[in-house]
Amino acid sequence: MQSEEWELDELDRQILSILQGNARIAFTDIARQLNSPDTTIHFRVRRMKDKGIIKNFTVLISPESLGLNQHALFRLKVGGHILSDISKERAQQIAEKQKQRPEIRFVGIEDDETTITCLALVHDNKELEQLRNSFEKNTDITEIQMWPLARVLKGEDYTDQVL
């Protein structure tokens, strides 16, 4: 329900900061920390949810605890079609399909609209190679670049939601 434009004030930012650290914290505890009435905290959080600023309260799971130890970035170039619009359409279709794969944690289409960037999270190098092979089988993908990552230092929210 994202209607009119609305700007966050300092209290909203402080509430968000606390919730990002612990989404399960009681609103009364937030109110105490910010020296503000708990009814104000309830109202502010509800308003931020209604405006789409707060999307969800969630649990982040450590992928390593589930044996998901291998991360990699992929860059997939789609092309080879007579018309560039066909390549753009196919790139969109391929990106949509990647969104459905549980091992793909992030999908983006670059400015040229024919290049897809993905972040994959799998158990091991064998699964990573299987993923790469699945991309190679797609005749619309003309170029594949893969960068295995030793670890993710920022952006854990892309890797923590694994179930």
C-alpha atoms as a PDB file:
ATOM      1  CA  MET A   1       0.000   0.000   0.000  1.00  0.00           C
ATOM      2  CA  GLN A   2       2.613   2.524  -1.124  1.00  0.00           C
ATOM      3  CA  SER A   3       0.631   5.656  -1.851  1.00  0.00           C
ATOM      4  CA  GLU A   4       1.943   9.195  -1.446  1.00  0.00           C
ATOM      5  CA  GLU A   5       5.598  10.070  -0.899  1.00  0.00           C
ATOM      6  CA  TRP A   6       6.655  10.046   2.737  1.00  0.00           C
ATOM      7  CA  GLU A   7       9.979  10.912   4.294  1.00  0.00           C
ATOM      8  CA  LEU A   8      11.545   9.190   7.285  1.00  0.00           C
ATOM      9  CA  ASP A   9      12.421  11.350  10.256  1.00  0.00           C
ATOM     10  CA  GLU A  10      15.114  10.691  12.854  1.00  0.00           C
ATOM     11  CA  LEU A  11      12.829   8.639  15.125  1.00  0.00           C
ATOM     12  CA  ASP A  12      11.843   6.400  12.200  1.00  0.00           C
ATOM     13  CA  ARG A  13      15.512   5.889  11.335  1.00  0.00           C
ATOM     14  CA  GLN A  14      16.338   5.005  14.935  1.00  0.00           C
ATOM     15  CA  ILE A  15      13.456   2.502  15.060  1.00  0.00           C
ATOM     16  CA  LEU A  16      14.637   0.911  11.815  1.00  0.00           C
ATOM     17  CA  SER A  17      18.189   0.688  13.103  1.00  0.00           C
ATOM     18  CA  ILE A  18      17.051  -1.127  16.237  1.00  0.00           C
ATOM     19  CA  LEU A  19      14.786  -3.486  14.276  1.00  0.00           C
ATOM     20  CA  GLN A  20      17.580  -4.305  11.826  1.00  0.00           C
ATOM     21  CA  GLY A  21      19.688  -5.424  14.772  1.00  0.00           C
ATOM     22  CA  ASN A  22      16.870  -7.461  16.333  1.00  0.00           C
ATOM     23  CA  ALA A  23      13.512  -7.776  14.573  1.00  0.00           C
ATOM     24  CA  ARG A  24      12.079  -9.648  17.586  1.00  0.00           C
ATOM     25  CA  ILE A  25      12.628  -6.856  20.095  1.00  0.00           C
ATOM     26  CA  ALA A  26       9.496  -5.746  21.934  1.00  0.00           C
ATOM     27  CA  PHE A  27       8.145  -2.341  20.978  1.00  0.00           C
ATOM     28  CA  THR A  28       8.176  -1.432  24.680  1.00  0.00           C
ATOM     29  CA  ASP A  29      11.937  -2.035  24.717  1.00  0.00           C
ATOM     30  CA  ILE A  30      12.383   0.161  21.638  1.00  0.00           C
ATOM     31  CA  ALA A  31      10.268   2.842  23.320  1.00  0.00           C
ATOM     32  CA  ARG A  32      12.439   2.651  26.435  1.00  0.00           C
ATOM     33  CA  GLN A  33      15.669   2.901  24.389  1.00  0.00           C
ATOM     34  CA  LEU A  34      14.397   5.902  22.440  1.00  0.00           C
ATOM     35  CA  ASN A  35      12.615   7.545  25.367  1.00  0.00           C
ATOM     36  CA  SER A  36       9.374   7.591  23.425  1.00  0.00           C
ATOM     37  CA  PRO A  37       5.864   6.245  24.202  1.00  0.00           C
ATOM     38  CA  ASP A  38       5.327   2.646  23.075  1.00  0.00           C
ATOM     39  CA  THR A  39       2.132   3.718  21.271  1.00  0.00           C
ATOM     40  CA  THR A  40       4.288   5.994  19.115  1.00  0.00           C
ATOM     41  CA  ILE A  41       6.588   3.078  18.268  1.00  0.00           C
ATOM     42  CA  HIS A  42       3.591   0.876  17.356  1.00  0.00           C
ATOM     43  CA  PHE A  43       2.154   3.633  15.164  1.00  0.00           C
ATOM     44  CA  ARG A  44       5.479   4.360  13.446  1.00  0.00           C
ATOM     45  CA  VAL A  45       6.206   0.683  12.701  1.00  0.00           C
ATOM     46  CA  ARG A  46       2.668   0.108  11.381  1.00  0.00           C
ATOM     47  CA  ARG A  47       2.968   3.197   9.168  1.00  0.00           C
ATOM     48  CA  MET A  48       6.361   2.050   7.812  1.00  0.00           C
ATOM     49  CA  LYS A  49       4.857  -1.381   7.065  1.00  0.00           C
ATOM     50  CA  ASP A  50       1.855   0.190   5.328  1.00  0.00           C
ATOM     51  CA  LYS A  51       4.135   2.436   3.251  1.00  0.00           C
ATOM     52  CA  GLY A  52       6.288  -0.524   2.206  1.00  0.00           C
ATOM     53  CA  ILE A  53       9.399   0.719   3.999  1.00  0.00           C
ATOM     54  CA  ILE A  54       9.373  -2.353   6.235  1.00  0.00           C
ATOM     55  CA  LYS A  55       8.802  -5.325   3.965  1.00  0.00           C
ATOM     56  CA  ASN A  56       9.018  -8.167   6.426  1.00  0.00           C
ATOM     57  CA  PHE A  57      10.265  -9.345   9.790  1.00  0.00           C
ATOM     58  CA  THR A  58      12.346 -12.430   9.099  1.00  0.00           C
ATOM     59  CA  VAL A  59      14.820 -14.950  10.433  1.00  0.00           C
ATOM     60  CA  LEU A  60      18.245 -15.058   8.804  1.00  0.00           C
ATOM     61  CA  ILE A  61      19.828 -18.491   8.695  1.00  0.00           C
ATOM     62  CA  SER A  62      23.547 -19.082   8.443  1.00  0.00           C
ATOM     63  CA  PRO A  63      24.061 -20.858   5.090  1.00  0.00           C
ATOM     64  CA  GLU A  64      27.267 -22.447   6.374  1.00  0.00           C
ATOM     65  CA  SER A  65      25.299 -24.231   9.104  1.00  0.00           C
ATOM     66  CA  LEU A  66      23.376 -25.977   6.290  1.00  0.00           C
ATOM     67  CA  GLY A  67      26.557 -26.872   4.407  1.00  0.00           C
ATOM     68  CA  LEU A  68      26.136 -24.123   1.810  1.00  0.00           C
ATOM     69  CA  ASN A  69      29.757 -23.037   1.631  1.00  0.00           C
ATOM     70  CA  GLN A  70      30.351 -21.969  -1.969  1.00  0.00           C
ATOM     71  CA  HIS A  71      29.323 -18.529  -3.272  1.00  0.00           C
ATOM     72  CA  ALA A  72      29.823 -17.261  -6.805  1.00  0.00           C
ATOM     73  CA  LEU A  73      28.848 -14.335  -8.976  1.00  0.00           C
ATOM     74  CA  PHE A  74      27.734 -15.088 -12.513  1.00  0.00           C
ATOM     75  CA  ARG A  75      27.441 -12.702 -15.421  1.00  0.00           C
ATOM     76  CA  LEU A  76      25.353 -14.092 -18.266  1.00  0.00           C
ATOM     77  CA  LYS A  77      25.304 -12.348 -21.631  1.00  0.00           C
ATOM     78  CA  VAL A  78      22.241 -13.086 -23.758  1.00  0.00           C
ATOM     79  CA  GLY A  79      22.446 -12.481 -27.486  1.00  0.00           C
ATOM     80  CA  GLY A  80      22.921 -13.799 -30.977  1.00  0.00           C
ATOM     81  CA  HIS A  81      19.418 -12.885 -32.071  1.00  0.00           C
ATOM     82  CA  ILE A  82      18.539 -11.015 -35.261  1.00  0.00           C
ATOM     83  CA  LEU A  83      16.746  -8.305 -33.311  1.00  0.00           C
ATOM     84  CA  SER A  84      18.091  -6.846 -30.071  1.00  0.00           C
ATOM     85  CA  ASP A  85      14.560  -6.799 -28.669  1.00  0.00           C
ATOM     86  CA  ILE A  86      14.504 -10.597 -28.866  1.00  0.00           C
ATOM     87  CA  SER A  87      17.736 -10.765 -26.832  1.00  0.00           C
ATOM     88  CA  LYS A  88      16.233  -8.378 -24.260  1.00  0.00           C
ATOM     89  CA  GLU A  89      13.065 -10.464 -24.041  1.00  0.00           C
ATOM     90  CA  ARG A  90      15.050 -13.694 -23.651  1.00  0.00           C
ATOM     91  CA  ALA A  91      17.247 -12.095 -20.978  1.00  0.00           C
ATOM     92  CA  GLN A  92      14.141 -11.144 -19.038  1.00  0.00           C
ATOM     93  CA  GLN A  93      12.778 -14.707 -19.375  1.00  0.00           C
ATOM     94  CA  ILE A  94      16.076 -16.242 -18.251  1.00  0.00           C
ATOM     95  CA  ALA A  95      16.284 -13.840 -15.290  1.00  0.00           C
ATOM     96  CA  GLU A  96      12.732 -14.713 -14.253  1.00  0.00           C
ATOM     97  CA  LYS A  97      13.608 -18.418 -14.390  1.00  0.00           C
ATOM     98  CA  GLN A  98      16.690 -17.823 -12.204  1.00  0.00           C
ATOM     99  CA  LYS A  99      14.513 -16.150  -9.583  1.00  0.00           C
ATOM    100  CA  GLN A 100      12.780 -19.502  -9.088  1.00  0.00           C
ATOM    101  CA  ARG A 101      16.012 -21.412  -8.412  1.00  0.00           C
ATOM    102  CA  PRO A 102      16.718 -21.726  -4.668  1.00  0.00           C
ATOM    103  CA  GLU A 103      20.488 -21.655  -5.207  1.00  0.00           C
ATOM    104  CA  ILE A 104      20.267 -18.242  -6.907  1.00  0.00           C
ATOM    105  CA  ARG A 105      20.080 -15.630  -4.155  1.00  0.00           C
ATOM    106  CA  PHE A 106      20.218 -12.435  -6.242  1.00  0.00           C
ATOM    107  CA  VAL A 107      19.287 -11.674  -9.867  1.00  0.00           C
ATOM    108  CA  GLY A 108      19.716  -8.372 -11.659  1.00  0.00           C
ATOM    109  CA  ILE A 109      19.550  -7.216 -15.272  1.00  0.00           C
ATOM    110  CA  GLU A 110      22.209  -4.727 -16.318  1.00  0.00           C
ATOM    111  CA  ASP A 111      21.566  -1.468 -18.190  1.00  0.00           C
ATOM    112  CA  ASP A 112      22.019  -3.045 -21.611  1.00  0.00           C
ATOM    113  CA  GLU A 113      19.016  -5.295 -20.753  1.00  0.00           C
ATOM    114  CA  THR A 114      20.791  -8.343 -22.198  1.00  0.00           C
ATOM    115  CA  THR A 115      23.226  -9.073 -19.355  1.00  0.00           C
ATOM    116  CA  ILE A 116      22.152 -10.857 -16.178  1.00  0.00           C
ATOM    117  CA  THR A 117      24.105 -10.825 -12.920  1.00  0.00           C
ATOM    118  CA  CYS A 118      23.400 -13.570 -10.359  1.00  0.00           C
ATOM    119  CA  LEU A 119      24.693 -14.536  -6.945  1.00  0.00           C
ATOM    120  CA  ALA A 120      24.656 -18.299  -6.361  1.00  0.00           C
ATOM    121  CA  LEU A 121      24.963 -20.182  -3.094  1.00  0.00           C
ATOM    122  CA  VAL A 122      25.652 -23.935  -3.265  1.00  0.00           C
ATOM    123  CA  HIS A 123      27.226 -26.722  -1.218  1.00  0.00           C
ATOM    124  CA  ASP A 124      30.474 -27.199  -3.119  1.00  0.00           C
ATOM    125  CA  ASN A 125      32.439 -26.698  -6.342  1.00  0.00           C
ATOM    126  CA  LYS A 126      30.717 -29.673  -7.976  1.00  0.00           C
ATOM    127  CA  GLU A 127      27.319 -28.005  -7.606  1.00  0.00           C
ATOM    128  CA  LEU A 128      28.816 -24.743  -8.813  1.00  0.00           C
ATOM    129  CA  GLU A 129      30.063 -26.460 -11.981  1.00  0.00           C
ATOM    130  CA  GLN A 130      26.644 -28.097 -12.448  1.00  0.00           C
ATOM    131  CA  LEU A 131      25.069 -24.652 -12.278  1.00  0.00           C
ATOM    132  CA  ARG A 132      27.546 -23.285 -14.808  1.00  0.00           C
ATOM    133  CA  ASN A 133      26.853 -26.274 -17.089  1.00  0.00           C
ATOM    134  CA  SER A 134      23.126 -25.591 -16.900  1.00  0.00           C
ATOM    135  CA  PHE A 135      23.805 -22.040 -18.126  1.00  0.00           C
ATOM    136  CA  GLU A 136      26.004 -23.380 -20.955  1.00  0.00           C
ATOM    137  CA  LYS A 137      23.140 -25.570 -22.211  1.00  0.00           C
ATOM    138  CA  ASN A 138      20.992 -22.496 -22.824  1.00  0.00           C
ATOM    139  CA  THR A 139      21.613 -21.442 -26.430  1.00  0.00           C
ATOM    140  CA  ASP A 140      20.396 -17.893 -25.716  1.00  0.00           C
ATOM    141  CA  ILE A 141      23.338 -17.357 -23.338  1.00  0.00           C
ATOM    142  CA  THR A 142      26.355 -16.411 -25.452  1.00  0.00           C
ATOM    143  CA  GLU A 143      28.856 -15.617 -22.703  1.00  0.00           C
ATOM    144  CA  ILE A 144      29.274 -16.794 -19.103  1.00  0.00           C
ATOM    145  CA  GLN A 145      31.612 -15.268 -16.562  1.00  0.00           C
ATOM    146  CA  MET A 146      31.923 -16.790 -13.100  1.00  0.00           C
ATOM    147  CA  TRP A 147      33.724 -15.454 -10.056  1.00  0.00           C
ATOM    148  CA  PRO A 148      33.842 -17.839  -7.060  1.00  0.00           C
ATOM    149  CA  LEU A 149      33.883 -15.958  -3.753  1.00  0.00           C
ATOM    150  CA  ALA A 150      35.781 -17.028  -0.646  1.00  0.00           C
ATOM    151  CA  ARG A 151      33.211 -15.276   1.566  1.00  0.00           C
ATOM    152  CA  VAL A 152      30.623 -12.513   1.578  1.00  0.00           C
ATOM    153  CA  LEU A 153      31.666  -9.586   3.756  1.00  0.00           C
ATOM    154  CA  LYS A 154      28.642  -7.368   3.180  1.00  0.00           C
ATOM    155  CA  GLY A 155      25.269  -8.311   1.781  1.00  0.00           C
ATOM    156  CA  GLU A 156      24.703 -11.342   3.964  1.00  0.00           C
ATOM    157  CA  ASP A 157      20.968 -10.825   3.544  1.00  0.00           C
ATOM    158  CA  TYR A 158      21.380 -12.203   0.010  1.00  0.00           C
ATOM    159  CA  THR A 159      22.914 -15.399   1.355  1.00  0.00           C
ATOM    160  CA  ASP A 160      21.123 -15.941   4.664  1.00  0.00           C
ATOM    161  CA  GLN A 161      17.617 -16.695   3.417  1.00  0.00           C
ATOM    162  CA  VAL A 162      18.290 -20.231   2.258  1.00  0.00           C
ATOM    163  CA  LEU A 163      15.119 -22.210   2.950  1.00  0.00           C
END
